[in-house]
N, C-alpha and C. Protein backbone atom coordinates (compact mmCIF):
# COMPACT_ATOMS: atom_id res chain seq x y z
N MET A 1 15.18 6.07 20.65
CA MET A 1 14.10 5.40 21.34
C MET A 1 14.44 5.23 22.81
N THR A 2 15.68 4.93 23.08
CA THR A 2 16.08 4.74 24.47
C THR A 2 15.96 6.04 25.25
N THR A 3 16.29 7.15 24.61
CA THR A 3 16.19 8.45 25.27
C THR A 3 14.73 8.76 25.60
N LEU A 4 13.84 8.49 24.66
CA LEU A 4 12.41 8.69 24.94
C LEU A 4 11.95 7.83 26.10
N ARG A 5 12.40 6.59 26.12
CA ARG A 5 12.02 5.71 27.23
C ARG A 5 12.52 6.27 28.55
N PHE A 6 13.73 6.81 28.54
CA PHE A 6 14.29 7.42 29.75
C PHE A 6 13.41 8.58 30.21
N PHE A 7 13.00 9.45 29.28
CA PHE A 7 12.16 10.59 29.64
C PHE A 7 10.78 10.14 30.14
N VAL A 8 10.26 9.08 29.56
CA VAL A 8 8.98 8.55 30.04
C VAL A 8 9.12 8.05 31.47
N GLU A 9 10.21 7.34 31.73
CA GLU A 9 10.41 6.77 33.06
C GLU A 9 10.68 7.82 34.12
N ARG A 10 11.36 8.90 33.75
CA ARG A 10 11.83 9.85 34.75
C ARG A 10 11.20 11.24 34.66
N GLY A 11 10.36 11.46 33.67
CA GLY A 11 9.78 12.79 33.47
C GLY A 11 8.63 13.09 34.41
N ARG A 12 8.29 14.36 34.48
CA ARG A 12 7.11 14.78 35.24
C ARG A 12 5.86 14.36 34.49
N ALA A 13 4.74 14.34 35.17
CA ALA A 13 3.49 13.83 34.60
C ALA A 13 3.14 14.51 33.27
N ALA A 14 3.24 15.84 33.21
CA ALA A 14 2.91 16.56 31.98
C ALA A 14 3.86 16.17 30.85
N GLU A 15 5.11 15.98 31.18
CA GLU A 15 6.10 15.58 30.17
C GLU A 15 5.88 14.14 29.74
N GLN A 16 5.53 13.30 30.70
CA GLN A 16 5.34 11.89 30.40
C GLN A 16 4.26 11.69 29.35
N TYR A 17 3.17 12.43 29.47
CA TYR A 17 2.07 12.30 28.52
C TYR A 17 2.56 12.59 27.10
N ALA A 18 3.28 13.68 26.93
CA ALA A 18 3.81 14.04 25.61
C ALA A 18 4.85 13.02 25.14
N MET A 19 5.67 12.56 26.05
CA MET A 19 6.70 11.59 25.69
C MET A 19 6.09 10.24 25.30
N ILE A 20 5.05 9.84 26.00
CA ILE A 20 4.40 8.58 25.66
C ILE A 20 3.76 8.69 24.28
N ARG A 21 3.07 9.79 24.01
CA ARG A 21 2.46 9.99 22.68
C ARG A 21 3.52 9.93 21.58
N SER A 22 4.58 10.69 21.75
CA SER A 22 5.62 10.69 20.71
C SER A 22 6.39 9.37 20.72
N GLY A 23 6.56 8.79 21.90
CA GLY A 23 7.28 7.52 22.00
C GLY A 23 6.58 6.39 21.27
N VAL A 24 5.26 6.33 21.39
CA VAL A 24 4.51 5.28 20.69
C VAL A 24 4.67 5.44 19.18
N CYS A 25 4.60 6.67 18.69
CA CYS A 25 4.78 6.91 17.25
C CYS A 25 6.19 6.53 16.80
N MET A 26 7.18 6.91 17.59
CA MET A 26 8.57 6.59 17.25
C MET A 26 8.81 5.08 17.31
N LEU A 27 8.25 4.45 18.32
CA LEU A 27 8.39 3.01 18.47
C LEU A 27 7.79 2.29 17.27
N TYR A 28 6.61 2.73 16.85
CA TYR A 28 5.98 2.14 15.68
C TYR A 28 6.84 2.35 14.43
N ALA A 29 7.37 3.55 14.26
CA ALA A 29 8.20 3.84 13.08
C ALA A 29 9.41 2.91 13.03
N HIS A 30 10.03 2.68 14.18
CA HIS A 30 11.17 1.76 14.23
C HIS A 30 10.72 0.33 13.94
N TRP A 31 9.59 -0.05 14.48
CA TRP A 31 9.04 -1.39 14.26
C TRP A 31 8.81 -1.63 12.77
N GLU A 32 8.06 -0.75 12.14
CA GLU A 32 7.76 -0.92 10.72
C GLU A 32 9.03 -0.83 9.87
N GLY A 33 9.84 0.17 10.12
CA GLY A 33 11.05 0.36 9.33
C GLY A 33 12.00 -0.81 9.43
N PHE A 34 12.17 -1.33 10.63
CA PHE A 34 13.09 -2.45 10.80
C PHE A 34 12.58 -3.71 10.11
N ILE A 35 11.32 -4.03 10.29
CA ILE A 35 10.77 -5.25 9.70
C ILE A 35 10.87 -5.19 8.18
N VAL A 36 10.49 -4.06 7.59
CA VAL A 36 10.55 -3.92 6.13
C VAL A 36 12.00 -3.99 5.64
N MET A 37 12.90 -3.29 6.31
CA MET A 37 14.31 -3.30 5.90
C MET A 37 14.92 -4.70 6.01
N ALA A 38 14.66 -5.38 7.11
CA ALA A 38 15.21 -6.72 7.29
C ALA A 38 14.63 -7.70 6.28
N ALA A 39 13.33 -7.60 6.01
CA ALA A 39 12.69 -8.49 5.05
C ALA A 39 13.24 -8.26 3.64
N ARG A 40 13.37 -7.00 3.27
CA ARG A 40 13.92 -6.69 1.94
C ARG A 40 15.38 -7.12 1.84
N SER A 41 16.12 -6.98 2.91
CA SER A 41 17.53 -7.40 2.91
C SER A 41 17.64 -8.91 2.71
N TYR A 42 16.74 -9.66 3.34
CA TYR A 42 16.75 -11.11 3.17
C TYR A 42 16.44 -11.49 1.72
N LEU A 43 15.43 -10.84 1.14
CA LEU A 43 15.12 -11.13 -0.27
C LEU A 43 16.29 -10.76 -1.17
N GLU A 44 16.94 -9.66 -0.88
CA GLU A 44 18.10 -9.27 -1.69
C GLU A 44 19.24 -10.28 -1.51
N TYR A 45 19.43 -10.75 -0.29
CA TYR A 45 20.44 -11.77 -0.01
C TYR A 45 20.20 -13.02 -0.87
N VAL A 46 18.95 -13.44 -0.93
CA VAL A 46 18.61 -14.61 -1.74
C VAL A 46 18.80 -14.29 -3.23
N ALA A 47 18.37 -13.12 -3.65
CA ALA A 47 18.46 -12.75 -5.07
C ALA A 47 19.90 -12.68 -5.57
N ILE A 48 20.80 -12.14 -4.77
CA ILE A 48 22.19 -11.99 -5.25
C ILE A 48 22.91 -13.33 -5.34
N ARG A 49 22.32 -14.38 -4.81
CA ARG A 49 22.90 -15.71 -4.95
C ARG A 49 22.61 -16.30 -6.32
N ARG A 50 21.70 -15.66 -7.06
CA ARG A 50 21.38 -16.06 -8.44
C ARG A 50 20.96 -17.53 -8.54
N ILE A 51 20.20 -17.97 -7.56
CA ILE A 51 19.69 -19.34 -7.55
C ILE A 51 18.40 -19.38 -8.36
N ALA A 52 18.27 -20.38 -9.20
CA ALA A 52 17.07 -20.50 -10.04
C ALA A 52 15.84 -20.73 -9.16
N TYR A 53 14.72 -20.18 -9.61
CA TYR A 53 13.47 -20.35 -8.87
C TYR A 53 13.16 -21.82 -8.60
N GLY A 54 13.51 -22.68 -9.53
CA GLY A 54 13.25 -24.10 -9.36
C GLY A 54 13.98 -24.72 -8.18
N GLN A 55 15.02 -24.04 -7.70
CA GLN A 55 15.79 -24.54 -6.56
C GLN A 55 15.46 -23.80 -5.27
N LEU A 56 14.52 -22.86 -5.35
CA LEU A 56 14.10 -22.10 -4.18
C LEU A 56 12.74 -22.58 -3.70
N LYS A 57 12.43 -22.28 -2.45
CA LYS A 57 11.08 -22.56 -1.96
C LYS A 57 10.08 -21.78 -2.81
N ARG A 58 8.89 -22.29 -2.90
CA ARG A 58 7.90 -21.71 -3.81
C ARG A 58 7.47 -20.29 -3.44
N ASN A 59 7.64 -19.89 -2.18
CA ASN A 59 7.28 -18.52 -1.82
C ASN A 59 8.10 -17.50 -2.61
N PHE A 60 9.35 -17.86 -2.94
CA PHE A 60 10.19 -16.93 -3.70
C PHE A 60 9.70 -16.78 -5.14
N LEU A 61 9.16 -17.85 -5.70
CA LEU A 61 8.55 -17.76 -7.03
C LEU A 61 7.33 -16.85 -6.97
N ALA A 62 6.51 -17.01 -5.93
CA ALA A 62 5.33 -16.16 -5.78
C ALA A 62 5.74 -14.69 -5.63
N VAL A 63 6.79 -14.45 -4.85
CA VAL A 63 7.29 -13.08 -4.66
C VAL A 63 7.83 -12.54 -5.98
N GLY A 64 8.64 -13.35 -6.66
CA GLY A 64 9.27 -12.91 -7.90
C GLY A 64 8.28 -12.65 -9.03
N LEU A 65 7.20 -13.39 -9.04
CA LEU A 65 6.21 -13.22 -10.11
C LEU A 65 4.99 -12.42 -9.68
N SER A 66 5.01 -11.87 -8.49
CA SER A 66 3.81 -11.22 -7.96
C SER A 66 3.28 -10.10 -8.85
N HIS A 67 4.18 -9.29 -9.42
CA HIS A 67 3.71 -8.20 -10.28
C HIS A 67 3.02 -8.77 -11.53
N LYS A 68 3.62 -9.79 -12.10
CA LYS A 68 3.04 -10.41 -13.30
C LYS A 68 1.73 -11.10 -12.95
N ILE A 69 1.68 -11.77 -11.82
CA ILE A 69 0.45 -12.46 -11.40
C ILE A 69 -0.68 -11.46 -11.25
N ARG A 70 -0.41 -10.34 -10.60
CA ARG A 70 -1.46 -9.31 -10.41
C ARG A 70 -1.92 -8.74 -11.74
N LYS A 71 -0.97 -8.49 -12.62
CA LYS A 71 -1.31 -7.92 -13.93
C LYS A 71 -2.16 -8.90 -14.73
N LEU A 72 -1.74 -10.15 -14.76
CA LEU A 72 -2.46 -11.14 -15.56
C LEU A 72 -3.79 -11.55 -14.92
N ARG A 73 -3.87 -11.48 -13.60
CA ARG A 73 -5.11 -11.82 -12.90
C ARG A 73 -6.24 -10.89 -13.34
N ASP A 74 -5.90 -9.65 -13.64
CA ASP A 74 -6.91 -8.67 -14.03
C ASP A 74 -7.46 -8.93 -15.43
N GLN A 75 -6.77 -9.72 -16.24
CA GLN A 75 -7.24 -9.98 -17.60
C GLN A 75 -8.48 -10.88 -17.62
N ARG A 76 -8.58 -11.78 -16.68
CA ARG A 76 -9.75 -12.65 -16.53
C ARG A 76 -10.18 -13.34 -17.83
N ASN A 77 -9.19 -13.90 -18.52
CA ASN A 77 -9.52 -14.68 -19.71
C ASN A 77 -8.48 -15.78 -19.87
N VAL A 78 -8.74 -16.69 -20.78
CA VAL A 78 -7.86 -17.84 -20.96
C VAL A 78 -6.48 -17.41 -21.43
N THR A 79 -6.40 -16.38 -22.25
CA THR A 79 -5.10 -15.90 -22.72
C THR A 79 -4.24 -15.45 -21.54
N GLY A 80 -4.84 -14.71 -20.63
CA GLY A 80 -4.11 -14.28 -19.43
C GLY A 80 -3.70 -15.47 -18.58
N ASP A 81 -4.59 -16.45 -18.47
CA ASP A 81 -4.27 -17.65 -17.70
C ASP A 81 -3.10 -18.40 -18.32
N MET A 82 -3.11 -18.51 -19.64
CA MET A 82 -2.02 -19.21 -20.33
C MET A 82 -0.71 -18.44 -20.18
N ASP A 83 -0.78 -17.13 -20.24
CA ASP A 83 0.43 -16.32 -20.04
C ASP A 83 1.00 -16.54 -18.64
N LEU A 84 0.12 -16.66 -17.67
CA LEU A 84 0.56 -16.90 -16.30
C LEU A 84 1.21 -18.28 -16.18
N VAL A 85 0.59 -19.29 -16.75
CA VAL A 85 1.17 -20.64 -16.72
C VAL A 85 2.53 -20.64 -17.40
N ASP A 86 2.63 -19.97 -18.55
CA ASP A 86 3.92 -19.89 -19.26
C ASP A 86 4.97 -19.21 -18.38
N ALA A 87 4.59 -18.12 -17.73
CA ALA A 87 5.54 -17.39 -16.88
C ALA A 87 6.04 -18.28 -15.75
N ILE A 88 5.15 -19.05 -15.16
CA ILE A 88 5.54 -19.94 -14.06
C ILE A 88 6.48 -21.03 -14.57
N LEU A 89 6.10 -21.67 -15.67
CA LEU A 89 6.92 -22.77 -16.19
C LEU A 89 8.29 -22.28 -16.67
N GLU A 90 8.33 -21.12 -17.30
CA GLU A 90 9.59 -20.59 -17.83
C GLU A 90 10.51 -20.08 -16.72
N SER A 91 9.95 -19.73 -15.60
CA SER A 91 10.75 -19.13 -14.54
C SER A 91 11.57 -20.14 -13.74
N ALA A 92 11.28 -21.41 -13.87
CA ALA A 92 11.98 -22.42 -13.06
C ALA A 92 13.49 -22.34 -13.20
N ALA A 93 13.97 -22.00 -14.39
CA ALA A 93 15.42 -21.94 -14.62
C ALA A 93 15.99 -20.54 -14.41
N MET A 94 15.11 -19.57 -14.18
CA MET A 94 15.56 -18.18 -14.02
C MET A 94 15.90 -17.89 -12.56
N PRO A 95 16.93 -17.06 -12.35
CA PRO A 95 17.22 -16.66 -10.96
C PRO A 95 16.24 -15.58 -10.50
N MET A 96 16.08 -15.49 -9.21
CA MET A 96 15.21 -14.47 -8.63
C MET A 96 15.76 -13.08 -8.94
N SER A 97 14.88 -12.18 -9.29
CA SER A 97 15.27 -10.81 -9.61
C SER A 97 15.35 -9.98 -8.33
N ARG A 98 16.28 -9.04 -8.32
CA ARG A 98 16.38 -8.13 -7.16
C ARG A 98 15.18 -7.20 -7.08
N LYS A 99 14.43 -7.09 -8.16
CA LYS A 99 13.22 -6.26 -8.16
C LYS A 99 12.16 -6.84 -7.22
N ALA A 100 12.32 -8.11 -6.89
CA ALA A 100 11.33 -8.78 -6.03
C ALA A 100 11.25 -8.15 -4.65
N ILE A 101 12.29 -7.47 -4.22
CA ILE A 101 12.26 -6.90 -2.87
C ILE A 101 11.17 -5.85 -2.70
N ASP A 102 10.74 -5.26 -3.81
CA ASP A 102 9.69 -4.24 -3.74
C ASP A 102 8.34 -4.81 -3.30
N VAL A 103 8.21 -6.12 -3.32
CA VAL A 103 6.96 -6.76 -2.91
C VAL A 103 6.71 -6.54 -1.41
N ILE A 104 7.77 -6.40 -0.64
CA ILE A 104 7.63 -6.22 0.80
C ILE A 104 7.11 -4.81 1.07
N ASP A 105 5.93 -4.75 1.68
CA ASP A 105 5.27 -3.48 1.94
C ASP A 105 4.46 -3.62 3.22
N ALA A 106 4.68 -2.72 4.14
CA ALA A 106 3.94 -2.75 5.41
C ALA A 106 2.58 -2.08 5.29
N LYS A 107 2.29 -1.51 4.14
CA LYS A 107 1.01 -0.86 3.89
C LYS A 107 0.73 0.26 4.90
N SER A 108 1.80 0.89 5.37
CA SER A 108 1.73 1.99 6.34
C SER A 108 0.99 1.61 7.62
N ASN A 109 0.89 0.34 7.89
CA ASN A 109 0.21 -0.11 9.10
C ASN A 109 0.61 -1.57 9.35
N LEU A 110 1.78 -1.76 9.91
CA LEU A 110 2.32 -3.11 10.10
C LEU A 110 1.59 -3.83 11.22
N SER A 111 0.43 -4.33 10.87
CA SER A 111 -0.40 -5.08 11.80
C SER A 111 0.11 -6.53 11.86
N PRO A 112 -0.35 -7.30 12.83
CA PRO A 112 0.02 -8.71 12.85
C PRO A 112 -0.35 -9.45 11.56
N ARG A 113 -1.48 -9.09 10.95
CA ARG A 113 -1.89 -9.73 9.70
C ARG A 113 -0.88 -9.42 8.59
N VAL A 114 -0.46 -8.17 8.49
CA VAL A 114 0.53 -7.78 7.48
C VAL A 114 1.86 -8.45 7.78
N LEU A 115 2.23 -8.53 9.04
CA LEU A 115 3.48 -9.21 9.43
C LEU A 115 3.45 -10.67 9.01
N ARG A 116 2.32 -11.35 9.22
CA ARG A 116 2.21 -12.75 8.80
C ARG A 116 2.39 -12.88 7.29
N GLY A 117 1.86 -11.92 6.53
CA GLY A 117 2.04 -11.92 5.08
C GLY A 117 3.50 -11.76 4.69
N ILE A 118 4.21 -10.89 5.40
CA ILE A 118 5.64 -10.70 5.13
C ILE A 118 6.41 -11.97 5.47
N LEU A 119 6.09 -12.57 6.59
CA LEU A 119 6.74 -13.83 6.98
C LEU A 119 6.48 -14.92 5.94
N GLN A 120 5.25 -14.98 5.44
CA GLN A 120 4.92 -15.97 4.42
C GLN A 120 5.70 -15.69 3.13
N ALA A 121 5.81 -14.43 2.75
CA ALA A 121 6.57 -14.08 1.55
C ALA A 121 8.03 -14.49 1.68
N LEU A 122 8.56 -14.45 2.89
CA LEU A 122 9.95 -14.82 3.13
C LEU A 122 10.13 -16.33 3.35
N GLY A 123 9.02 -17.05 3.48
CA GLY A 123 9.11 -18.48 3.74
C GLY A 123 9.49 -18.78 5.17
N LEU A 124 9.17 -17.87 6.08
CA LEU A 124 9.52 -18.03 7.49
C LEU A 124 8.27 -18.39 8.29
N ALA A 125 8.48 -18.86 9.51
CA ALA A 125 7.37 -19.27 10.37
C ALA A 125 6.41 -18.11 10.58
N ARG A 126 5.14 -18.34 10.26
CA ARG A 126 4.14 -17.28 10.38
C ARG A 126 3.71 -17.07 11.83
N ASP A 127 4.11 -17.96 12.73
CA ASP A 127 3.72 -17.83 14.13
C ASP A 127 4.84 -17.24 14.98
N LEU A 128 5.66 -16.41 14.38
CA LEU A 128 6.76 -15.75 15.08
C LEU A 128 6.25 -14.93 16.26
N VAL A 129 5.06 -14.37 16.11
CA VAL A 129 4.43 -13.56 17.15
C VAL A 129 3.22 -14.35 17.66
N ASP A 130 3.16 -14.58 18.96
CA ASP A 130 2.04 -15.36 19.50
C ASP A 130 0.79 -14.49 19.64
N PRO A 131 -0.37 -15.10 19.85
CA PRO A 131 -1.63 -14.33 19.92
C PRO A 131 -1.65 -13.23 20.97
N VAL A 132 -1.02 -13.45 22.11
CA VAL A 132 -0.97 -12.40 23.15
C VAL A 132 -0.15 -11.22 22.65
N GLU A 133 0.98 -11.51 22.02
CA GLU A 133 1.82 -10.44 21.48
C GLU A 133 1.10 -9.71 20.35
N GLU A 134 0.31 -10.43 19.57
CA GLU A 134 -0.47 -9.78 18.51
C GLU A 134 -1.44 -8.77 19.10
N LYS A 135 -2.08 -9.13 20.20
CA LYS A 135 -3.01 -8.21 20.86
C LYS A 135 -2.27 -6.97 21.38
N ILE A 136 -1.08 -7.18 21.93
CA ILE A 136 -0.28 -6.05 22.41
C ILE A 136 0.04 -5.12 21.25
N LEU A 137 0.45 -5.70 20.13
CA LEU A 137 0.76 -4.88 18.95
C LEU A 137 -0.48 -4.13 18.47
N GLU A 138 -1.60 -4.84 18.37
CA GLU A 138 -2.84 -4.23 17.87
C GLU A 138 -3.35 -3.12 18.78
N ILE A 139 -3.44 -3.41 20.06
CA ILE A 139 -4.09 -2.48 20.99
C ILE A 139 -3.13 -1.42 21.52
N ARG A 140 -1.95 -1.83 21.90
CA ARG A 140 -1.03 -0.90 22.55
C ARG A 140 -0.16 -0.13 21.58
N LEU A 141 0.18 -0.71 20.46
CA LEU A 141 1.07 -0.01 19.53
C LEU A 141 0.28 0.59 18.37
N LEU A 142 -0.39 -0.23 17.60
CA LEU A 142 -1.04 0.26 16.38
C LEU A 142 -2.20 1.20 16.64
N ARG A 143 -3.09 0.81 17.52
CA ARG A 143 -4.28 1.63 17.75
C ARG A 143 -3.90 3.01 18.29
N ILE A 144 -3.01 3.03 19.27
CA ILE A 144 -2.60 4.32 19.84
C ILE A 144 -1.81 5.12 18.82
N ARG A 145 -0.88 4.47 18.13
CA ARG A 145 -0.08 5.17 17.11
C ARG A 145 -0.97 5.78 16.04
N ASN A 146 -1.93 5.01 15.56
CA ASN A 146 -2.81 5.52 14.50
C ASN A 146 -3.61 6.72 14.98
N ARG A 147 -4.12 6.64 16.17
CA ARG A 147 -4.92 7.75 16.69
C ARG A 147 -4.08 8.99 16.92
N VAL A 148 -2.89 8.82 17.47
CA VAL A 148 -2.00 9.97 17.70
C VAL A 148 -1.51 10.53 16.37
N ALA A 149 -1.05 9.66 15.49
CA ALA A 149 -0.48 10.11 14.21
C ALA A 149 -1.51 10.79 13.32
N HIS A 150 -2.78 10.46 13.50
CA HIS A 150 -3.82 11.07 12.68
C HIS A 150 -4.48 12.25 13.39
N GLY A 151 -3.83 12.72 14.45
CA GLY A 151 -4.23 13.97 15.08
C GLY A 151 -5.39 13.91 16.03
N GLU A 152 -5.78 12.73 16.44
CA GLU A 152 -6.89 12.65 17.39
C GLU A 152 -6.44 13.12 18.76
N LYS A 153 -7.25 13.93 19.37
CA LYS A 153 -6.99 14.34 20.76
C LYS A 153 -7.61 13.27 21.64
N ILE A 154 -6.77 12.42 22.14
CA ILE A 154 -7.28 11.29 22.93
C ILE A 154 -6.54 11.21 24.25
N GLU A 155 -7.21 10.63 25.17
CA GLU A 155 -6.55 10.25 26.41
C GLU A 155 -5.91 8.90 26.14
N ILE A 156 -4.64 8.83 26.34
CA ILE A 156 -3.94 7.58 26.11
C ILE A 156 -4.04 6.75 27.37
N ASP A 157 -4.58 5.56 27.22
CA ASP A 157 -4.73 4.69 28.37
C ASP A 157 -3.51 3.79 28.52
N ILE A 158 -2.36 4.44 28.57
CA ILE A 158 -1.12 3.70 28.73
C ILE A 158 -0.26 4.48 29.72
N SER A 159 0.18 3.81 30.76
CA SER A 159 0.99 4.47 31.78
C SER A 159 2.46 4.41 31.39
N ASP A 160 3.28 5.09 32.18
CA ASP A 160 4.71 5.05 31.88
C ASP A 160 5.25 3.62 31.99
N GLY A 161 4.76 2.87 32.96
CA GLY A 161 5.18 1.47 33.09
C GLY A 161 4.73 0.63 31.91
N ASP A 162 3.51 0.89 31.43
CA ASP A 162 3.01 0.19 30.24
C ASP A 162 3.85 0.52 29.02
N TYR A 163 4.22 1.81 28.90
CA TYR A 163 5.04 2.21 27.76
C TYR A 163 6.39 1.50 27.78
N VAL A 164 7.01 1.44 28.94
CA VAL A 164 8.31 0.78 29.06
C VAL A 164 8.17 -0.70 28.69
N GLY A 165 7.09 -1.33 29.14
CA GLY A 165 6.84 -2.73 28.78
C GLY A 165 6.61 -2.89 27.28
N LEU A 166 5.86 -1.97 26.69
CA LEU A 166 5.62 -1.99 25.25
C LEU A 166 6.93 -1.82 24.49
N HIS A 167 7.75 -0.89 24.95
CA HIS A 167 9.05 -0.65 24.33
C HIS A 167 9.88 -1.93 24.35
N ARG A 168 9.94 -2.57 25.50
CA ARG A 168 10.71 -3.82 25.61
C ARG A 168 10.16 -4.90 24.70
N LYS A 169 8.83 -5.03 24.64
CA LYS A 169 8.21 -6.07 23.81
C LYS A 169 8.49 -5.83 22.34
N VAL A 170 8.38 -4.59 21.87
CA VAL A 170 8.63 -4.30 20.46
C VAL A 170 10.09 -4.57 20.10
N VAL A 171 11.01 -4.17 20.96
CA VAL A 171 12.43 -4.44 20.71
C VAL A 171 12.68 -5.95 20.71
N GLU A 172 12.03 -6.66 21.62
CA GLU A 172 12.16 -8.13 21.66
C GLU A 172 11.65 -8.76 20.36
N LEU A 173 10.52 -8.28 19.85
CA LEU A 173 9.97 -8.82 18.61
C LEU A 173 10.87 -8.49 17.42
N MET A 174 11.44 -7.31 17.41
CA MET A 174 12.38 -6.96 16.34
C MET A 174 13.61 -7.87 16.40
N ASP A 175 14.11 -8.12 17.59
CA ASP A 175 15.25 -9.03 17.76
C ASP A 175 14.89 -10.44 17.29
N ARG A 176 13.69 -10.88 17.62
CA ARG A 176 13.25 -12.22 17.22
C ARG A 176 13.15 -12.32 15.70
N PHE A 177 12.61 -11.28 15.07
CA PHE A 177 12.51 -11.26 13.61
C PHE A 177 13.91 -11.29 13.00
N ARG A 178 14.81 -10.47 13.53
CA ARG A 178 16.19 -10.45 13.04
C ARG A 178 16.82 -11.84 13.13
N ASP A 179 16.68 -12.48 14.29
CA ASP A 179 17.27 -13.80 14.49
C ASP A 179 16.68 -14.82 13.52
N CYS A 180 15.39 -14.74 13.29
CA CYS A 180 14.72 -15.65 12.37
C CYS A 180 15.27 -15.49 10.95
N VAL A 181 15.43 -14.24 10.51
CA VAL A 181 15.96 -13.96 9.18
C VAL A 181 17.42 -14.40 9.07
N LEU A 182 18.22 -14.07 10.07
CA LEU A 182 19.63 -14.47 10.04
C LEU A 182 19.80 -15.99 10.03
N ASN A 183 19.00 -16.67 10.83
CA ASN A 183 19.07 -18.13 10.86
C ASN A 183 18.67 -18.73 9.51
N ALA A 184 17.61 -18.20 8.92
CA ALA A 184 17.16 -18.70 7.62
C ALA A 184 18.24 -18.50 6.56
N ALA A 185 18.90 -17.35 6.61
CA ALA A 185 19.95 -17.07 5.63
C ALA A 185 21.16 -17.98 5.86
N SER A 186 21.60 -18.10 7.09
CA SER A 186 22.81 -18.89 7.36
C SER A 186 22.59 -20.38 7.15
N ARG A 187 21.37 -20.85 7.33
CA ARG A 187 21.06 -22.27 7.15
C ARG A 187 20.61 -22.61 5.73
N GLY A 188 20.49 -21.60 4.89
CA GLY A 188 20.04 -21.84 3.52
C GLY A 188 18.60 -22.32 3.45
N GLU A 189 17.77 -21.84 4.38
CA GLU A 189 16.38 -22.29 4.43
C GLU A 189 15.55 -21.81 3.24
N TYR A 190 16.13 -21.00 2.39
CA TYR A 190 15.44 -20.51 1.20
C TYR A 190 15.44 -21.56 0.09
N ARG A 191 16.27 -22.57 0.21
CA ARG A 191 16.35 -23.61 -0.82
C ARG A 191 15.19 -24.59 -0.71
N ALA A 192 14.77 -25.09 -1.87
CA ALA A 192 13.66 -26.06 -1.92
C ALA A 192 14.10 -27.39 -1.35
């Protein structure tokens, strides 16, 4: 990513256009990949501690039972409802399963809304990204990445200076997410 940023900053105009297009896609890939990997790592960290759901924040119970909740929700009858209640009550003494990490999914489009869902699943502050940063992610990263990645021939309304600023902002947000996860783990914020 740093090399691409260098080429954007120092390349000729024709090269800059290609570098910005590829740079935005690469930047997005790092953004999504890092957030998903860090989130799954945090869930795995909690799971390997073998702490019973009853001693964890309730978001971990929701994460751990999400597959069962979805399956039983589709039954739409009292039997399914009772099975769900039983699963919740019985799980209080059970430790979180490592299978729970599969719940973290960026849905191939890590938008601010999806990020808030991941933060909620982890029991972390959902306001990690402020509204201005959300707009930057939506307009400058996601919209351009989606259009480029899906083969649209578009004029990118982002200059080399804008790209460098976007690069810095995305790296800053990744660092902020990392720090939030590390702090939650070291402080035991996963406990009820």
